[in-house]
Amino acid sequence: MKPPILLKMTSPLGEGFEIPYHDFGPSTDTPAIAFVGGIHGNELNSVFILARLAAYLAPIAAGKKEGQKLLGRVVLIPAVNVIGMHTRDRQWPFDRTDINRMFPGYHLGETTQRIADAVFQKTKTAMTRIDIHASNLEIEELPQVRIYDTHPGTLASAKQFGLPAVIQCPVNKTAIATLLNAWMTLGGENFVIQAGMAGDLQVAACERVLKAFVRFLIQKNILSSTLESVEADAGAIEETTHTFGLQHTVSVVSEKAGLFVAQAILGRWMEQGDLLGVVYDGFDGRIRARIRAPISGLLTAMRRQALIYQGDLLARLQSRTPIAKGADTYLLGQGQ
């Protein structure tokens, strides 16, 4: 059966393009939850996660999974930037605009404004909304939940994903036209999931987020399922969750240019002084710097692009206790 179409538009040549989506559960109900991925065309993880989630939910919604039942309506938009996906382009290829700077959109506007409007209209009535991103082409992020309000209920819900880190962030005031900011004007619960890096799939990270979403649906009473059914289909989904704020965040930046080779494992708890990586001279191969953890903490981001300049971000750690130096600005620049 052909999936429903969020938006169909013509293109300069050929038959145009469509943005399909999934809509599971009672069609007369208000959506209990909405998931959005692929706003940036090079963030393949989000598309893969939501495609897998759709494959998981489809037979349940059809009543074909014994012991499992969908109790609420679930909307999934796996790939918003469908044209950018074809070339792994972060932006909309025709006019180089970032769709995540176009919200809430305008239904009579230019192409990306119309796309943003269609996404916003389809998701705005959901009680819970989730926007999925990777980092950029250089940094890999540990799967994490980011929340942007201080309501205790939001933090409690964020922990229900069971991902290793929940990070409380201020709203990025330099990028006010994001989907998250548009959602936040509506109330409800709004989350950003960061996982992996742009440009390719990090399958292990995708699997962790997929399992987290199944767990979240159960915790929210949107999905009724026996534990045995979930473990058989999606594997173990329990992780220890730690909560951090920007005051717990320390970015490690390079004091030398060269080629960076990571040595530490993303997601590990590091001790102060542990080796994170080595910077080599790109001409003669000598070691220019050994990069060590400046604090003890959870390694939540690691550089994967080797070529670095002075001042480039190499890693990010989250301390168990607040750091007196204050907020970390690099955290605001990733993903969205």
Protein backbone atom coordinates (compact mmCIF):
# COMPACT_ATOMS: atom_id res chain seq x y z
CA MET A 1 0.00 0.00 0.00
CA LYS A 2 1.30 3.44 -0.96
CA PRO A 3 2.29 5.51 2.10
CA PRO A 4 0.60 8.86 2.77
CA ILE A 5 2.32 11.90 1.28
CA LEU A 6 3.22 14.86 3.43
CA LEU A 7 3.99 17.15 0.49
CA LYS A 8 4.20 16.80 -3.27
CA MET A 9 5.84 19.46 -5.41
CA THR A 10 6.94 19.82 -9.00
CA SER A 11 10.59 20.08 -10.02
CA PRO A 12 12.24 21.79 -13.02
CA LEU A 13 12.48 18.49 -14.91
CA GLY A 14 10.68 15.20 -14.45
CA GLU A 15 7.77 14.34 -12.20
CA GLY A 16 8.70 16.35 -9.11
CA PHE A 17 9.21 14.96 -5.63
CA GLU A 18 7.19 13.65 -2.72
CA ILE A 19 7.82 13.50 1.02
CA PRO A 20 6.17 10.32 2.33
CA TYR A 21 5.51 9.60 5.99
CA HIS A 22 4.08 6.89 8.24
CA ASP A 23 0.93 7.22 10.31
CA PHE A 24 0.25 4.29 12.65
CA GLY A 25 -2.63 3.81 15.04
CA PRO A 26 -6.18 5.19 15.21
CA SER A 27 -6.49 7.84 12.50
CA THR A 28 -9.21 9.71 14.41
CA ASP A 29 -6.97 10.20 17.46
CA THR A 30 -4.64 13.13 18.04
CA PRO A 31 -1.07 11.90 17.52
CA ALA A 32 0.45 10.75 20.78
CA ILE A 33 3.98 11.18 19.41
CA ALA A 34 5.71 12.47 16.29
CA PHE A 35 9.23 11.60 15.11
CA VAL A 36 11.09 13.67 12.51
CA GLY A 37 14.37 12.74 10.78
CA GLY A 38 16.39 13.70 7.75
CA ILE A 39 15.91 17.46 7.96
CA HIS A 40 19.56 17.59 6.96
CA GLY A 41 20.26 15.47 3.92
CA ASN A 42 23.60 14.14 5.16
CA GLU A 43 22.23 12.85 8.49
CA LEU A 44 21.61 9.27 7.45
CA ASN A 45 21.31 7.87 10.96
CA SER A 46 17.94 9.52 11.57
CA VAL A 47 16.51 8.12 8.34
CA PHE A 48 17.74 4.61 9.11
CA ILE A 49 16.42 4.73 12.69
CA LEU A 50 12.94 5.85 11.69
CA ALA A 51 12.75 3.45 8.75
CA ARG A 52 13.60 0.63 11.16
CA LEU A 53 11.07 1.91 13.68
CA ALA A 54 8.40 1.96 10.97
CA ALA A 55 9.23 -1.64 10.07
CA TYR A 56 8.91 -2.56 13.75
CA LEU A 57 5.57 -0.79 14.28
CA ALA A 58 3.83 -1.72 11.00
CA PRO A 59 2.96 -5.34 11.88
CA ILE A 60 1.96 -4.30 15.41
CA ALA A 61 -0.41 -1.66 14.04
CA ALA A 62 -1.83 -4.31 11.69
CA GLY A 63 -2.51 -6.65 14.62
CA LYS A 64 0.02 -9.23 13.46
CA LYS A 65 2.26 -9.29 16.55
CA GLU A 66 0.96 -11.42 19.40
CA GLY A 67 1.39 -9.74 22.77
CA GLN A 68 1.93 -6.29 21.25
CA LYS A 69 -0.59 -3.54 20.56
CA LEU A 70 -0.37 0.08 19.51
CA LEU A 71 -2.43 2.15 21.95
CA GLY A 72 -1.82 5.60 20.46
CA ARG A 73 -1.24 7.25 17.13
CA VAL A 74 2.38 7.53 15.98
CA VAL A 75 3.55 9.80 13.14
CA LEU A 76 6.98 9.17 11.57
CA ILE A 77 8.64 11.41 8.96
CA PRO A 78 11.90 9.59 8.18
CA ALA A 79 13.34 11.94 5.53
CA VAL A 80 12.34 15.60 5.25
CA ASN A 81 15.16 16.69 2.90
CA VAL A 82 14.44 14.00 0.31
CA ILE A 83 16.42 15.68 -2.48
CA GLY A 84 19.43 16.42 -0.27
CA MET A 85 19.46 12.75 0.76
CA HIS A 86 20.23 11.71 -2.79
CA THR A 87 23.58 13.49 -2.67
CA ARG A 88 24.16 13.46 1.12
CA ASP A 89 23.83 17.24 1.15
CA ARG A 90 23.02 18.89 4.48
CA GLN A 91 21.16 21.73 2.77
CA TRP A 92 18.36 21.85 0.22
CA PRO A 93 20.39 21.45 -3.00
CA PHE A 94 18.62 23.95 -5.26
CA ASP A 95 19.01 27.17 -3.25
CA ARG A 96 21.46 26.01 -0.52
CA THR A 97 19.05 26.81 2.32
CA ASP A 98 18.95 24.88 5.59
CA ILE A 99 15.41 23.55 6.12
CA ASN A 100 16.00 23.69 9.86
CA ARG A 101 16.24 27.47 9.60
CA MET A 102 12.80 27.77 7.96
CA PHE A 103 10.34 26.84 10.72
CA PRO A 104 7.46 27.20 11.32
CA GLY A 105 7.39 27.66 7.55
CA TYR A 106 4.91 29.28 5.18
CA HIS A 107 2.52 27.33 2.97
CA LEU A 108 2.65 29.94 0.19
CA GLY A 109 6.40 30.54 0.42
CA GLU A 110 9.43 29.15 -1.35
CA THR A 111 10.09 25.41 -1.51
CA THR A 112 11.88 25.01 1.82
CA GLN A 113 9.33 27.23 3.57
CA ARG A 114 6.55 24.98 2.24
CA ILE A 115 8.39 21.86 3.35
CA ALA A 116 8.88 23.32 6.84
CA ASP A 117 5.20 24.28 7.02
CA ALA A 118 4.10 20.77 6.01
CA VAL A 119 6.30 19.18 8.69
CA PHE A 120 5.16 21.63 11.35
CA GLN A 121 1.46 21.21 10.54
CA LYS A 122 1.69 17.42 10.61
CA THR A 123 3.50 17.29 13.97
CA LYS A 124 2.18 20.28 15.91
CA THR A 125 -0.79 18.49 17.51
CA ALA A 126 1.32 15.63 18.89
CA MET A 127 1.70 15.57 22.66
CA THR A 128 5.35 14.48 22.38
CA ARG A 129 7.68 15.48 19.54
CA ILE A 130 11.16 14.15 18.74
CA ASP A 131 13.66 15.65 16.27
CA ILE A 132 16.59 13.36 15.42
CA HIS A 133 20.01 14.63 14.37
CA ALA A 134 23.59 13.55 13.95
CA SER A 135 26.52 15.83 14.59
CA ASN A 136 28.51 17.35 11.72
CA LEU A 137 30.96 15.68 9.32
CA GLU A 138 33.79 15.83 11.85
CA ILE A 139 32.40 14.89 15.28
CA GLU A 140 30.72 11.66 16.40
CA GLU A 141 28.22 12.03 19.25
CA LEU A 142 27.33 9.40 21.82
CA PRO A 143 23.55 8.77 21.59
CA GLN A 144 21.97 11.33 23.89
CA VAL A 145 18.77 13.23 24.64
CA ARG A 146 18.86 17.01 24.67
CA ILE A 147 16.16 19.00 26.41
CA TYR A 148 15.65 22.73 26.24
CA ASP A 149 13.25 23.59 29.04
CA THR A 150 13.51 23.34 32.81
CA HIS A 151 10.19 21.62 33.56
CA PRO A 152 10.82 18.64 35.87
CA GLY A 153 8.40 16.51 33.84
CA THR A 154 10.51 16.95 30.71
CA LEU A 155 13.62 15.70 32.48
CA ALA A 156 11.71 12.71 33.87
CA SER A 157 10.44 11.86 30.39
CA ALA A 158 13.91 12.26 28.88
CA LYS A 159 15.22 9.60 31.23
CA GLN A 160 12.57 7.18 29.92
CA PHE A 161 14.51 6.79 26.67
CA GLY A 162 17.19 4.97 28.64
CA LEU A 163 20.02 6.50 26.62
CA PRO A 164 23.36 7.06 28.40
CA ALA A 165 23.16 10.87 28.60
CA VAL A 166 20.49 13.52 29.02
CA ILE A 167 21.88 17.02 28.48
CA GLN A 168 19.95 20.11 29.53
CA CYS A 169 20.72 22.94 27.11
CA PRO A 170 19.64 26.55 26.69
CA VAL A 171 17.82 27.39 23.48
CA ASN A 172 20.25 28.44 20.74
CA LYS A 173 19.25 32.06 20.20
CA THR A 174 21.35 32.37 17.04
CA ALA A 175 19.20 29.76 15.29
CA ILE A 176 15.66 30.66 16.31
CA ALA A 177 13.88 29.23 13.25
CA THR A 178 14.52 25.56 14.02
CA LEU A 179 11.83 22.90 14.28
CA LEU A 180 12.55 22.59 18.00
CA ASN A 181 11.95 26.30 18.60
CA ALA A 182 8.72 26.18 16.60
CA TRP A 183 7.54 23.20 18.62
CA MET A 184 8.41 24.85 21.93
CA THR A 185 5.88 27.63 21.27
CA LEU A 186 3.18 24.95 21.40
CA GLY A 187 4.01 23.41 24.76
CA GLY A 188 4.05 19.65 25.18
CA GLU A 189 7.25 17.62 25.43
CA ASN A 190 9.96 18.31 22.86
CA PHE A 191 13.24 16.43 22.53
CA VAL A 192 16.29 16.45 20.28
CA ILE A 193 18.12 13.16 19.90
CA GLN A 194 21.80 13.39 18.89
CA ALA A 195 23.51 10.24 17.68
CA GLY A 196 26.59 9.58 15.57
CA MET A 197 27.95 11.85 12.86
CA ALA A 198 26.79 13.08 9.48
CA GLY A 199 27.81 11.62 6.13
CA ASP A 200 27.43 7.91 6.88
CA LEU A 201 25.71 5.35 9.11
CA GLN A 202 26.94 4.43 12.56
CA VAL A 203 24.88 1.27 12.89
CA ALA A 204 25.64 0.58 16.55
CA ALA A 205 24.43 4.07 17.50
CA CYS A 206 21.30 3.59 15.38
CA GLU A 207 20.50 0.33 17.14
CA ARG A 208 20.80 1.98 20.55
CA VAL A 209 18.43 4.78 19.55
CA LEU A 210 15.94 2.39 17.94
CA LYS A 211 15.78 0.35 21.15
CA ALA A 212 15.46 3.57 23.14
CA PHE A 213 12.45 4.60 21.06
CA VAL A 214 10.74 1.26 21.60
CA ARG A 215 11.40 1.60 25.32
CA PHE A 216 10.03 5.15 25.31
CA LEU A 217 6.82 4.11 23.53
CA ILE A 218 6.25 1.45 26.18
CA GLN A 219 7.04 3.85 29.04
CA LYS A 220 4.56 6.36 27.62
CA ASN A 221 1.84 3.70 27.26
CA ILE A 222 1.73 4.22 23.51
CA LEU A 223 2.89 0.68 22.88
CA SER A 224 1.62 -2.27 24.91
CA SER A 225 4.09 -5.10 24.79
CA THR A 226 5.40 -7.94 26.89
CA LEU A 227 9.06 -7.63 27.83
CA GLU A 228 9.73 -10.95 26.11
CA SER A 229 8.34 -9.62 22.82
CA VAL A 230 10.47 -6.49 22.94
CA GLU A 231 13.67 -8.35 23.78
CA ALA A 232 13.02 -10.82 20.98
CA ASP A 233 12.45 -8.10 18.39
CA ALA A 234 14.67 -5.24 19.52
CA GLY A 235 17.13 -6.69 22.01
CA ALA A 236 17.97 -5.43 25.48
CA ILE A 237 17.07 -1.75 25.88
CA GLU A 238 18.13 -0.83 29.39
CA GLU A 239 21.01 1.61 29.91
CA THR A 240 22.13 3.73 32.83
CA THR A 241 21.14 7.35 32.21
CA HIS A 242 23.19 10.29 33.49
CA THR A 243 21.95 13.88 33.50
CA PHE A 244 24.22 16.81 32.64
CA GLY A 245 23.97 20.54 32.00
CA LEU A 246 26.28 22.89 30.16
CA GLN A 247 28.04 23.54 33.48
CA HIS A 248 29.08 19.85 33.42
CA THR A 249 30.48 20.09 29.90
CA VAL A 250 34.14 20.46 28.95
CA SER A 251 35.31 20.69 25.35
CA VAL A 252 38.83 19.68 24.42
CA VAL A 253 40.27 21.82 21.63
CA SER A 254 43.52 21.44 19.78
CA GLU A 255 46.44 23.73 20.47
CA LYS A 256 48.29 22.31 17.45
CA ALA A 257 47.41 21.78 13.81
CA GLY A 258 48.07 18.41 12.20
CA LEU A 259 46.45 14.97 11.91
CA PHE A 260 44.44 13.80 14.91
CA VAL A 261 44.18 10.08 15.68
CA ALA A 262 41.63 9.21 18.37
CA GLN A 263 42.67 6.66 20.99
CA ALA A 264 39.78 6.67 23.48
CA ILE A 265 36.46 4.87 23.07
CA LEU A 266 33.30 6.98 22.79
CA GLY A 267 30.96 6.39 25.72
CA ARG A 268 33.68 5.41 28.20
CA TRP A 269 34.15 7.11 31.55
CA MET A 270 37.59 8.72 31.42
CA GLU A 271 39.88 9.62 34.28
CA GLN A 272 41.72 12.94 34.32
CA GLY A 273 44.94 12.49 32.37
CA ASP A 274 43.73 9.54 30.27
CA LEU A 275 44.88 9.62 26.65
CA LEU A 276 42.19 10.83 24.22
CA GLY A 277 44.30 10.92 21.08
CA VAL A 278 47.49 12.01 19.40
CA VAL A 279 48.20 14.89 17.00
CA TYR A 280 50.80 14.06 14.34
CA ASP A 281 52.65 16.40 12.02
CA GLY A 282 51.24 15.89 8.54
CA PHE A 283 54.63 16.33 6.85
CA ASP A 284 57.23 14.47 8.88
CA GLY A 285 55.00 12.27 11.07
CA ARG A 286 56.40 13.35 14.41
CA ILE A 287 54.06 13.61 17.40
CA ARG A 288 53.08 17.23 17.94
CA ALA A 289 50.80 16.67 20.97
CA ARG A 290 49.28 13.98 23.13
CA ILE A 291 45.72 14.98 24.02
CA ARG A 292 44.65 13.98 27.52
CA ALA A 293 41.37 14.28 29.39
CA PRO A 294 41.42 17.53 31.37
CA ILE A 295 38.79 16.18 33.78
CA SER A 296 37.23 12.86 34.76
CA GLY A 297 33.96 12.34 32.92
CA LEU A 298 31.87 10.59 30.29
CA LEU A 299 33.27 10.88 26.76
CA THR A 300 30.22 12.02 24.75
CA ALA A 301 31.86 13.35 21.57
CA MET A 302 34.99 12.44 19.63
CA ARG A 303 36.55 13.89 16.50
CA ARG A 304 36.68 11.50 13.51
CA GLN A 305 37.96 13.88 10.82
CA ALA A 306 41.73 13.72 11.21
CA LEU A 307 42.77 17.00 9.60
CA ILE A 308 42.72 19.71 12.27
CA TYR A 309 43.62 23.33 12.77
CA GLN A 310 44.50 25.07 15.99
CA GLY A 311 41.32 25.59 18.02
CA ASP A 312 39.34 22.71 16.46
CA LEU A 313 37.12 20.62 18.70
CA LEU A 314 38.65 17.20 19.46
CA ALA A 315 36.41 15.74 22.17
CA ARG A 316 33.75 16.56 24.72
CA LEU A 317 33.44 15.20 28.26
CA GLN A 318 30.61 15.44 30.75
CA SER A 319 31.65 15.75 34.39
CA ARG A 320 29.67 14.20 37.23
CA THR A 321 29.94 17.52 39.09
CA PRO A 322 29.60 21.11 37.81
CA ILE A 323 32.69 22.76 36.37
CA ALA A 324 33.36 26.26 37.70
CA LYS A 325 34.39 27.63 34.30
CA GLY A 326 30.77 27.68 33.15
CA ALA A 327 28.90 26.94 29.95
CA ASP A 328 30.40 25.30 26.91
CA THR A 329 29.70 27.05 23.63
CA TYR A 330 30.73 24.19 21.33
CA LEU A 331 27.72 22.14 22.45
CA LEU A 332 25.38 24.69 20.90
CA GLY A 333 26.99 24.37 17.48
CA GLN A 334 26.47 20.66 16.88
CA GLY A 335 23.69 18.87 15.04
CA GLN A 336 20.92 21.41 14.66
